[in-house]
Each structure stands twice: as structure tokens, then as C-alpha cells.
N, C-alpha and C. Protein backbone atom coordinates (compact mmCIF):
# COMPACT_ATOMS: atom_id res chain seq x y z
N MET A 1 125.81 -150.16 -135.39
CA MET A 1 124.81 -149.90 -134.36
C MET A 1 124.66 -151.15 -133.51
N LEU A 2 124.73 -150.97 -132.21
CA LEU A 2 124.61 -152.09 -131.27
C LEU A 2 123.19 -152.20 -130.76
N ARG A 3 122.92 -153.35 -130.19
CA ARG A 3 121.65 -153.59 -129.50
C ARG A 3 122.02 -153.85 -128.04
N PHE A 4 121.43 -153.08 -127.13
CA PHE A 4 121.80 -153.16 -125.72
C PHE A 4 120.68 -153.77 -124.88
N LEU A 5 121.10 -154.42 -123.80
CA LEU A 5 120.20 -154.87 -122.74
C LEU A 5 120.75 -154.31 -121.44
N ALA A 6 119.96 -153.48 -120.76
CA ALA A 6 120.37 -152.91 -119.48
C ALA A 6 119.94 -153.83 -118.35
N ASP A 7 120.89 -154.18 -117.51
CA ASP A 7 120.64 -155.04 -116.37
C ASP A 7 119.59 -154.39 -115.45
N GLU A 8 119.00 -155.21 -114.60
CA GLU A 8 117.88 -154.77 -113.77
C GLU A 8 118.18 -153.54 -112.91
N ASN A 9 119.36 -153.46 -112.36
CA ASN A 9 119.70 -152.35 -111.47
C ASN A 9 120.49 -151.24 -112.17
N PHE A 10 120.47 -151.26 -113.50
CA PHE A 10 121.19 -150.23 -114.24
C PHE A 10 120.49 -148.89 -114.06
N ASN A 11 121.26 -147.85 -113.92
CA ASN A 11 120.75 -146.50 -113.66
C ASN A 11 119.83 -146.03 -114.80
N ASN A 12 118.57 -145.86 -114.49
CA ASN A 12 117.58 -145.43 -115.50
C ASN A 12 117.84 -144.01 -116.00
N GLN A 13 118.54 -143.18 -115.20
CA GLN A 13 118.89 -141.84 -115.69
C GLN A 13 119.81 -141.95 -116.90
N ILE A 14 120.69 -142.93 -116.88
CA ILE A 14 121.59 -143.13 -118.02
C ILE A 14 120.79 -143.55 -119.25
N ILE A 15 119.88 -144.49 -119.07
CA ILE A 15 119.06 -144.96 -120.20
C ILE A 15 118.25 -143.81 -120.77
N ARG A 16 117.58 -143.05 -119.91
CA ARG A 16 116.78 -141.92 -120.38
C ARG A 16 117.65 -140.89 -121.10
N GLY A 17 118.85 -140.64 -120.57
CA GLY A 17 119.75 -139.68 -121.20
C GLY A 17 120.21 -140.14 -122.56
N VAL A 18 120.52 -141.42 -122.70
CA VAL A 18 120.92 -141.97 -123.99
C VAL A 18 119.79 -141.77 -125.00
N LEU A 19 118.59 -142.16 -124.60
CA LEU A 19 117.45 -142.09 -125.51
C LEU A 19 117.03 -140.64 -125.81
N ARG A 20 117.26 -139.75 -124.86
CA ARG A 20 116.95 -138.34 -125.09
C ARG A 20 117.90 -137.76 -126.14
N ARG A 21 119.16 -138.20 -126.08
CA ARG A 21 120.16 -137.72 -127.04
C ARG A 21 120.02 -138.37 -128.41
N ASN A 22 119.60 -139.65 -128.41
CA ASN A 22 119.43 -140.36 -129.68
C ASN A 22 118.36 -141.43 -129.50
N SER A 23 117.16 -141.12 -129.93
CA SER A 23 116.02 -142.03 -129.74
C SER A 23 116.14 -143.29 -130.59
N ASN A 24 117.10 -143.34 -131.49
CA ASN A 24 117.28 -144.53 -132.33
C ASN A 24 118.15 -145.60 -131.69
N VAL A 25 118.75 -145.32 -130.54
CA VAL A 25 119.57 -146.33 -129.87
C VAL A 25 118.66 -147.47 -129.44
N ASP A 26 119.05 -148.67 -129.78
CA ASP A 26 118.26 -149.87 -129.48
C ASP A 26 118.67 -150.39 -128.10
N ILE A 27 117.94 -149.95 -127.08
CA ILE A 27 118.24 -150.32 -125.71
C ILE A 27 116.95 -150.72 -125.02
N VAL A 28 116.97 -151.90 -124.41
CA VAL A 28 115.84 -152.37 -123.61
C VAL A 28 116.37 -152.72 -122.22
N ARG A 29 115.46 -152.67 -121.27
CA ARG A 29 115.80 -153.04 -119.91
C ARG A 29 115.35 -154.47 -119.64
N VAL A 30 116.02 -155.10 -118.71
CA VAL A 30 115.63 -156.46 -118.30
C VAL A 30 114.15 -156.48 -117.95
N GLN A 31 113.67 -155.43 -117.29
CA GLN A 31 112.26 -155.36 -116.90
C GLN A 31 111.33 -155.33 -118.11
N ASP A 32 111.79 -154.75 -119.21
CA ASP A 32 110.97 -154.61 -120.42
C ASP A 32 110.76 -155.94 -121.14
N VAL A 33 111.63 -156.90 -120.90
CA VAL A 33 111.57 -158.17 -121.64
C VAL A 33 111.17 -159.35 -120.74
N GLY A 34 110.60 -159.03 -119.57
CA GLY A 34 110.07 -160.08 -118.71
C GLY A 34 111.11 -160.83 -117.89
N LEU A 35 112.26 -160.20 -117.64
CA LEU A 35 113.30 -160.87 -116.88
C LEU A 35 113.52 -160.25 -115.49
N THR A 36 112.51 -159.56 -114.98
CA THR A 36 112.63 -158.98 -113.65
C THR A 36 112.97 -160.08 -112.65
N GLU A 37 113.99 -159.81 -111.84
CA GLU A 37 114.47 -160.71 -110.79
C GLU A 37 115.10 -161.99 -111.34
N ALA A 38 115.39 -162.04 -112.64
CA ALA A 38 116.09 -163.20 -113.21
C ALA A 38 117.54 -163.18 -112.73
N ASP A 39 118.12 -164.36 -112.58
CA ASP A 39 119.52 -164.41 -112.18
C ASP A 39 120.42 -164.04 -113.35
N ASP A 40 121.67 -163.76 -113.03
CA ASP A 40 122.61 -163.29 -114.05
C ASP A 40 122.80 -164.27 -115.21
N PRO A 41 122.94 -165.58 -114.95
CA PRO A 41 123.08 -166.50 -116.09
C PRO A 41 121.89 -166.46 -117.04
N THR A 42 120.69 -166.28 -116.50
CA THR A 42 119.49 -166.20 -117.34
C THR A 42 119.51 -164.93 -118.19
N VAL A 43 119.92 -163.82 -117.59
CA VAL A 43 120.02 -162.55 -118.31
C VAL A 43 121.05 -162.66 -119.43
N LEU A 44 122.19 -163.25 -119.14
CA LEU A 44 123.23 -163.41 -120.15
C LEU A 44 122.80 -164.34 -121.28
N GLU A 45 122.06 -165.39 -120.93
CA GLU A 45 121.56 -166.31 -121.96
C GLU A 45 120.57 -165.60 -122.87
N TRP A 46 119.64 -164.82 -122.28
CA TRP A 46 118.67 -164.08 -123.08
C TRP A 46 119.41 -163.09 -124.00
N ALA A 47 120.41 -162.39 -123.45
CA ALA A 47 121.18 -161.44 -124.25
C ALA A 47 121.86 -162.15 -125.42
N ALA A 48 122.41 -163.31 -125.17
CA ALA A 48 123.09 -164.06 -126.24
C ALA A 48 122.09 -164.49 -127.31
N GLN A 49 120.95 -164.99 -126.89
CA GLN A 49 119.93 -165.43 -127.85
C GLN A 49 119.41 -164.28 -128.70
N ASN A 50 119.41 -163.09 -128.12
CA ASN A 50 118.86 -161.92 -128.81
C ASN A 50 119.95 -160.96 -129.30
N ARG A 51 121.19 -161.42 -129.24
CA ARG A 51 122.35 -160.67 -129.73
C ARG A 51 122.38 -159.23 -129.19
N ARG A 52 122.27 -159.13 -127.87
CA ARG A 52 122.31 -157.82 -127.21
C ARG A 52 123.50 -157.74 -126.27
N VAL A 53 124.19 -156.62 -126.33
CA VAL A 53 125.30 -156.34 -125.44
C VAL A 53 124.72 -155.88 -124.10
N VAL A 54 125.22 -156.44 -123.02
CA VAL A 54 124.69 -156.14 -121.69
C VAL A 54 125.40 -154.94 -121.08
N LEU A 55 124.61 -154.04 -120.50
CA LEU A 55 125.11 -152.92 -119.71
C LEU A 55 124.79 -153.21 -118.25
N THR A 56 125.78 -153.11 -117.38
CA THR A 56 125.56 -153.44 -115.98
C THR A 56 126.43 -152.59 -115.07
N HIS A 57 126.01 -152.49 -113.83
CA HIS A 57 126.82 -151.90 -112.77
C HIS A 57 127.36 -153.02 -111.87
N ASP A 58 126.95 -154.24 -112.12
CA ASP A 58 127.20 -155.38 -111.23
C ASP A 58 128.51 -156.08 -111.56
N VAL A 59 129.61 -155.51 -111.07
CA VAL A 59 130.91 -156.11 -111.33
C VAL A 59 131.12 -157.37 -110.47
N ALA A 60 130.41 -157.46 -109.36
CA ALA A 60 130.63 -158.56 -108.42
C ALA A 60 130.26 -159.92 -109.00
N THR A 61 129.12 -160.01 -109.67
CA THR A 61 128.69 -161.33 -110.15
C THR A 61 128.51 -161.42 -111.66
N MET A 62 128.02 -160.37 -112.29
CA MET A 62 127.72 -160.46 -113.72
C MET A 62 128.98 -160.77 -114.53
N THR A 63 130.09 -160.13 -114.20
CA THR A 63 131.32 -160.39 -114.95
C THR A 63 131.79 -161.83 -114.75
N THR A 64 131.63 -162.35 -113.56
CA THR A 64 132.02 -163.75 -113.29
C THR A 64 131.21 -164.70 -114.16
N PHE A 65 129.91 -164.49 -114.23
CA PHE A 65 129.06 -165.36 -115.06
C PHE A 65 129.36 -165.19 -116.55
N ALA A 66 129.72 -163.97 -116.96
CA ALA A 66 130.09 -163.75 -118.37
C ALA A 66 131.35 -164.54 -118.71
N TYR A 67 132.34 -164.51 -117.83
CA TYR A 67 133.56 -165.28 -118.07
C TYR A 67 133.28 -166.78 -118.05
N GLU A 68 132.37 -167.22 -117.20
CA GLU A 68 132.00 -168.64 -117.17
C GLU A 68 131.37 -169.07 -118.49
N ARG A 69 130.53 -168.20 -119.06
CA ARG A 69 129.93 -168.50 -120.38
C ARG A 69 131.03 -168.67 -121.42
N LEU A 70 131.98 -167.78 -121.40
CA LEU A 70 133.07 -167.84 -122.37
C LEU A 70 133.89 -169.12 -122.21
N GLN A 71 134.19 -169.48 -120.97
CA GLN A 71 134.96 -170.71 -120.72
C GLN A 71 134.20 -171.95 -121.17
N ALA A 72 132.88 -171.89 -121.10
CA ALA A 72 132.05 -173.01 -121.51
C ALA A 72 131.82 -173.02 -123.03
N GLY A 73 132.35 -172.03 -123.72
CA GLY A 73 132.19 -171.96 -125.16
C GLY A 73 130.82 -171.46 -125.61
N LEU A 74 130.13 -170.77 -124.72
CA LEU A 74 128.79 -170.24 -125.03
C LEU A 74 128.91 -168.83 -125.60
N ALA A 75 127.93 -168.45 -126.38
CA ALA A 75 127.90 -167.11 -126.96
C ALA A 75 127.74 -166.06 -125.87
N MET A 76 128.41 -164.94 -126.08
CA MET A 76 128.30 -163.82 -125.15
C MET A 76 128.59 -162.56 -125.96
N PRO A 77 127.53 -161.85 -126.40
CA PRO A 77 127.70 -160.73 -127.34
C PRO A 77 128.43 -159.52 -126.77
N GLY A 78 128.80 -159.55 -125.53
CA GLY A 78 129.56 -158.46 -124.92
C GLY A 78 128.92 -158.00 -123.63
N LEU A 79 129.77 -157.50 -122.75
CA LEU A 79 129.32 -156.99 -121.46
C LEU A 79 130.11 -155.73 -121.16
N PHE A 80 129.39 -154.66 -120.85
CA PHE A 80 130.02 -153.42 -120.43
C PHE A 80 129.67 -153.15 -118.99
N GLU A 81 130.68 -153.11 -118.15
CA GLU A 81 130.54 -152.79 -116.73
C GLU A 81 130.80 -151.30 -116.57
N ILE A 82 129.81 -150.60 -116.02
CA ILE A 82 129.93 -149.17 -115.81
C ILE A 82 129.84 -148.92 -114.31
N SER A 83 130.93 -148.48 -113.72
CA SER A 83 130.96 -148.22 -112.29
C SER A 83 129.90 -147.18 -111.93
N ARG A 84 129.32 -147.34 -110.77
CA ARG A 84 128.36 -146.34 -110.29
C ARG A 84 129.05 -145.01 -109.99
N ARG A 85 130.38 -145.03 -109.92
CA ARG A 85 131.13 -143.79 -109.67
C ARG A 85 131.30 -142.96 -110.93
N VAL A 86 131.06 -143.56 -112.09
CA VAL A 86 131.14 -142.83 -113.36
C VAL A 86 129.94 -141.89 -113.42
N SER A 87 130.18 -140.65 -113.79
CA SER A 87 129.07 -139.69 -113.85
C SER A 87 128.05 -140.13 -114.90
N VAL A 88 126.81 -139.74 -114.68
CA VAL A 88 125.74 -140.06 -115.61
C VAL A 88 126.07 -139.51 -117.00
N GLY A 89 126.56 -138.30 -117.06
CA GLY A 89 126.88 -137.68 -118.34
C GLY A 89 127.96 -138.44 -119.10
N LEU A 90 129.02 -138.86 -118.40
CA LEU A 90 130.09 -139.61 -119.05
C LEU A 90 129.58 -140.98 -119.51
N ALA A 91 128.77 -141.62 -118.70
CA ALA A 91 128.21 -142.93 -119.08
C ALA A 91 127.37 -142.79 -120.35
N ILE A 92 126.57 -141.75 -120.43
CA ILE A 92 125.74 -141.50 -121.62
C ILE A 92 126.64 -141.32 -122.85
N GLU A 93 127.67 -140.49 -122.72
CA GLU A 93 128.59 -140.25 -123.83
C GLU A 93 129.26 -141.54 -124.29
N GLU A 94 129.69 -142.37 -123.36
CA GLU A 94 130.37 -143.62 -123.71
C GLU A 94 129.43 -144.58 -124.45
N ILE A 95 128.20 -144.69 -123.98
CA ILE A 95 127.24 -145.59 -124.63
C ILE A 95 126.92 -145.09 -126.04
N LEU A 96 126.73 -143.78 -126.18
CA LEU A 96 126.46 -143.22 -127.50
C LEU A 96 127.65 -143.44 -128.44
N LEU A 97 128.85 -143.27 -127.93
CA LEU A 97 130.05 -143.51 -128.73
C LEU A 97 130.12 -144.97 -129.18
N LEU A 98 129.87 -145.88 -128.26
CA LEU A 98 129.87 -147.30 -128.60
C LEU A 98 128.83 -147.60 -129.68
N ASP A 99 127.65 -147.04 -129.51
CA ASP A 99 126.58 -147.29 -130.46
C ASP A 99 126.93 -146.78 -131.85
N GLU A 100 127.50 -145.61 -131.92
CA GLU A 100 127.79 -144.99 -133.21
C GLU A 100 129.01 -145.58 -133.90
N CYS A 101 129.98 -146.06 -133.14
CA CYS A 101 131.26 -146.43 -133.71
C CYS A 101 131.54 -147.93 -133.74
N SER A 102 130.65 -148.74 -133.22
CA SER A 102 130.88 -150.18 -133.15
C SER A 102 130.25 -150.90 -134.32
N LEU A 103 130.88 -151.96 -134.72
CA LEU A 103 130.33 -152.85 -135.73
C LEU A 103 129.57 -153.97 -135.04
N GLU A 104 128.56 -154.50 -135.71
CA GLU A 104 127.81 -155.61 -135.15
C GLU A 104 128.77 -156.77 -134.88
N GLY A 105 128.70 -157.31 -133.70
CA GLY A 105 129.54 -158.44 -133.32
C GLY A 105 130.93 -158.07 -132.84
N GLU A 106 131.26 -156.80 -132.87
CA GLU A 106 132.60 -156.36 -132.49
C GLU A 106 132.97 -156.70 -131.05
N TRP A 107 132.00 -156.70 -130.17
CA TRP A 107 132.27 -156.92 -128.75
C TRP A 107 132.00 -158.35 -128.31
N GLU A 108 131.73 -159.23 -129.25
CA GLU A 108 131.47 -160.64 -128.95
C GLU A 108 132.59 -161.21 -128.07
N GLY A 109 132.19 -161.83 -126.97
CA GLY A 109 133.14 -162.50 -126.09
C GLY A 109 133.99 -161.58 -125.25
N GLN A 110 133.61 -160.31 -125.15
CA GLN A 110 134.43 -159.36 -124.41
C GLN A 110 133.70 -158.79 -123.21
N VAL A 111 134.45 -158.60 -122.14
CA VAL A 111 133.97 -157.89 -120.95
C VAL A 111 134.84 -156.64 -120.86
N ARG A 112 134.20 -155.49 -120.88
CA ARG A 112 134.92 -154.22 -120.86
C ARG A 112 134.37 -153.34 -119.76
N PHE A 113 135.21 -152.43 -119.31
CA PHE A 113 134.83 -151.50 -118.27
C PHE A 113 134.81 -150.10 -118.86
N LEU A 114 133.73 -149.37 -118.58
CA LEU A 114 133.60 -148.00 -119.07
C LEU A 114 133.92 -147.02 -117.95
N PRO A 115 134.55 -145.91 -118.27
CA PRO A 115 134.86 -145.47 -119.61
C PRO A 115 136.04 -146.24 -120.21
N LEU A 116 136.08 -146.29 -121.54
CA LEU A 116 137.11 -147.03 -122.26
C LEU A 116 138.47 -146.32 -122.19
N ARG A 117 138.48 -145.06 -121.92
CA ARG A 117 139.72 -144.27 -121.91
C ARG A 117 140.68 -144.73 -120.84
């Protein structure tokens, strides 16, 4: 079971759909943890400190900062980039699959794009 942090501009329909399908998924939004309007490095640092995999639509900057963390030897529990072109239903299915089939720490240091197929 993974612990997720949804970036500030992450589609709330996806979050609601995930939780509607499985209320036990551990997912919080940046807004829920007091990081509204925080920059990407701050969000990634908080995620690392709290061992949460980040969900984002922001391929332009978030992935760059994630790679910078890795190059600096800093912890990065994982980042999943989900294109806004991916349907809400497919995004929900992918997140649920990740949650159910992943081991803790499995995505450490990885940047992945969903869907995984």
C-alpha cells in the first residue's frame, strides 16, 4: 500500500474517484497539508520527509526538480506524472492498481508516466 501526495493542480475528480472506489487509499492533497502555493522543491521535500509518492500533471517543472533531487542524492519516494489527456477513469484505475500492487519503497527514486502500459 502506497501513501500518495497529490500536487496542487492535480485533478480532484481523480482523487474523489479513487477514494470512492477504495476509501482506504492513503492520499492527501498539497492543500490538505498546508502547502498551498508551495514551490515544487518544497512539495518534493515534504513528500520525501513523509514518504509519500507524488501524483502530478506538471511534467514541465515537477519532473525536473525530482531529477535534481536524485542527482543531489536526496530522497525522492517516487513521482507519477499523469497527462491531462489521460481519461479520469483510466487515471483512477492506474492509481488503484499502483496502490494495491506496490510494495512500500518500490518507487523510490523513480519518475514514471501513467498509464504504465
